[in-house]
Every structure is written in structure tokens, then in C-alpha cells.
Protein backbone atom coordinates (compact mmCIF):
# COMPACT_ATOMS: atom_id res chain seq x y z
CA UNK A 1 -73.83 19.64 6.29
CA UNK A 2 -74.01 22.88 4.33
CA UNK A 3 -71.10 25.25 4.16
CA UNK A 4 -71.41 28.24 6.48
CA UNK A 5 -69.49 30.59 4.16
CA UNK A 6 -71.43 32.98 1.95
CA UNK A 7 -70.78 33.18 -1.79
CA UNK A 8 -68.99 36.50 -1.16
CA UNK A 9 -66.71 34.93 1.46
CA UNK A 10 -65.95 31.98 -0.82
CA UNK A 11 -65.07 34.41 -3.62
CA UNK A 12 -62.86 36.33 -1.17
CA UNK A 13 -60.98 33.20 -0.06
CA UNK A 14 -60.67 32.00 -3.66
CA UNK A 15 -59.05 35.34 -4.57
CA UNK A 16 -56.73 35.05 -1.56
CA UNK A 17 -55.74 31.49 -2.55
CA UNK A 18 -55.13 32.49 -6.18
CA UNK A 19 -52.85 35.29 -4.97
CA UNK A 20 -50.97 32.85 -2.71
CA UNK A 21 -50.63 30.50 -5.67
CA UNK A 22 -49.24 33.28 -7.87
CA UNK A 23 -46.77 34.38 -5.16
CA UNK A 24 -45.61 30.79 -4.60
CA UNK A 25 -45.13 30.19 -8.33
CA UNK A 26 -43.11 33.40 -8.61
CA UNK A 27 -40.90 32.30 -5.71
CA UNK A 28 -40.22 29.07 -7.60
CA UNK A 29 -39.06 30.84 -10.76
CA UNK A 30 -35.29 31.03 -10.89
CA UNK A 31 -35.42 34.73 -11.90
CA UNK A 32 -34.00 36.35 -8.76
CA UNK A 33 -31.75 33.50 -7.66
CA UNK A 34 -28.22 32.95 -8.88
CA UNK A 35 -28.08 29.71 -10.76
CA UNK A 36 -25.66 27.20 -9.21
CA UNK A 37 -23.18 27.69 -12.06
CA UNK A 38 -23.07 31.45 -11.62
CA UNK A 39 -21.79 31.28 -8.06
CA UNK A 40 -19.42 28.42 -8.91
CA UNK A 41 -18.06 30.52 -11.76
CA UNK A 42 -17.52 33.34 -9.29
CA UNK A 43 -15.58 30.96 -7.05
CA UNK A 44 -13.51 29.71 -10.00
CA UNK A 45 -11.97 33.17 -10.22
CA UNK A 46 -10.33 32.45 -6.86
CA UNK A 47 -8.54 29.36 -5.73
CA UNK A 48 -11.25 26.78 -5.10
CA UNK A 49 -11.19 26.56 -1.37
CA UNK A 50 -13.01 23.46 0.00
CA UNK A 51 -15.04 25.66 2.37
CA UNK A 52 -16.31 27.72 -0.58
CA UNK A 53 -17.45 24.57 -2.36
CA UNK A 54 -19.12 23.39 0.86
CA UNK A 55 -20.97 26.69 1.12
CA UNK A 56 -22.09 26.36 -2.49
CA UNK A 57 -23.33 22.83 -1.89
CA UNK A 58 -25.17 23.94 1.25
CA UNK A 59 -26.90 26.76 -0.66
CA UNK A 60 -27.97 24.38 -3.42
CA UNK A 61 -29.40 21.92 -0.88
CA UNK A 62 -31.15 24.73 0.99
CA UNK A 63 -32.68 26.03 -2.26
CA UNK A 64 -33.81 22.51 -3.18
CA UNK A 65 -35.43 22.16 0.25
CA UNK A 66 -37.21 25.49 -0.13
CA UNK A 67 -38.47 24.44 -3.55
CA UNK A 68 -39.89 21.23 -2.07
CA UNK A 69 -41.69 23.26 0.61
CA UNK A 70 -43.06 25.58 -2.08
CA UNK A 71 -44.26 22.59 -4.14
CA UNK A 72 -46.06 21.25 -1.05
CA UNK A 73 -47.63 24.67 -0.43
CA UNK A 74 -48.71 24.85 -4.09
CA UNK A 75 -50.41 21.47 -3.75
CA UNK A 76 -52.17 22.61 -0.55
CA UNK A 77 -53.39 25.76 -2.33
CA UNK A 78 -54.64 23.77 -5.33
CA UNK A 79 -56.41 21.32 -2.98
CA UNK A 80 -58.11 24.26 -1.20
CA UNK A 81 -59.22 25.71 -4.55
CA UNK A 82 -60.64 22.28 -5.39
CA UNK A 83 -62.59 22.29 -2.12
CA UNK A 84 -64.07 25.69 -3.05
CA UNK A 85 -65.18 24.19 -6.38
CA UNK A 86 -66.75 21.08 -4.83
CA UNK A 87 -68.41 22.96 -1.97
CA UNK A 88 -66.41 21.49 0.92
CA UNK A 89 -64.17 24.52 1.57
CA UNK A 90 -64.32 25.72 5.17
CA UNK A 91 -65.40 22.35 6.50
CA UNK A 92 -63.09 20.09 8.49
CA UNK A 93 -62.00 17.03 6.54
CA UNK A 94 -61.94 15.05 9.81
CA UNK A 95 -65.23 16.01 11.44
CA UNK A 96 -67.15 17.94 8.78
CA UNK A 97 -67.55 20.79 11.29
CA UNK A 98 -67.19 24.37 10.02
CA UNK A 99 -63.68 25.82 10.35
CA UNK A 100 -63.88 29.27 12.00
CA UNK A 101 -63.43 32.14 9.56
CA UNK A 102 -60.63 33.55 11.75
CA UNK A 103 -58.61 30.39 11.12
CA UNK A 104 -59.26 30.51 7.37
CA UNK A 105 -58.24 34.18 7.38
CA UNK A 106 -54.85 33.30 8.88
CA UNK A 107 -54.50 30.00 7.03
CA UNK A 108 -56.70 29.81 3.93
CA UNK A 109 -55.41 26.29 3.17
CA UNK A 110 -56.66 24.89 6.51
CA UNK A 111 -58.22 21.43 6.18
CA UNK A 112 -59.19 20.85 9.81
CA UNK A 113 -60.03 22.58 13.06
CA UNK A 114 -57.02 23.60 15.15
CA UNK A 115 -57.79 20.98 17.80
CA UNK A 116 -57.96 18.24 15.14
CA UNK A 117 -54.44 18.85 13.87
CA UNK A 118 -51.86 16.30 15.05
């Protein structure tokens, strides 16, 4: 089944995906975030209250969880870029039916039709 998206639309979605990839990679850089040691150092200036250490641990776990989500998103973006390259972008992986452009607009990494998602 041929892809219903024009070359222009494919180029548009590729650009959108590359921007998403760039944004995601920037979010993963530790530039804006305090490193774990920085905030612990801050706490060391006070008496180390157990609640403070618990907060610190929670923040580290939360950041690790966010990084895992970002890594997953990065993989999804790279997979979608791969589908553009091999000509299967915009087609459902389950049924091979075209994914509506409106869905791709909202979710450029979509692999399936809405009704096919678990």
C-alpha cells in the first residue's frame, strides 16, 4: 500500500520530528539542572535533617524517571524518522492503513491508528 503523504508533508513531519529530537536531547543535558552534589552541598551547610535527605533522594529518583521517559521518547522519534526513510511513515504498523494527518500533527511519532492502540 503506498503512503498517502506527499513529499512535502513527509519533509514537514521530518522537520517536526528533528525539532522534537533536538528539544528532547536538550532536556536531557544536565545544563539547567542542579547536579545531585550541588543540592547536597547546600544541605550540608545546615544540619542534615533526614527529611532534607529524603527530599534530595526523591528529586534524584524523579529526575532519573524523567530521563528514562525522555530516552523512550528519543527512541520513538528515531523510529519515526526511520519510517520516513523506509517509506512506511504514516501507515499503521498493525493494519497498514493510513494514519490520519490530524493524528500525526498532534503525535508525529504515532505508529498506529487511535482505535488500534491498546
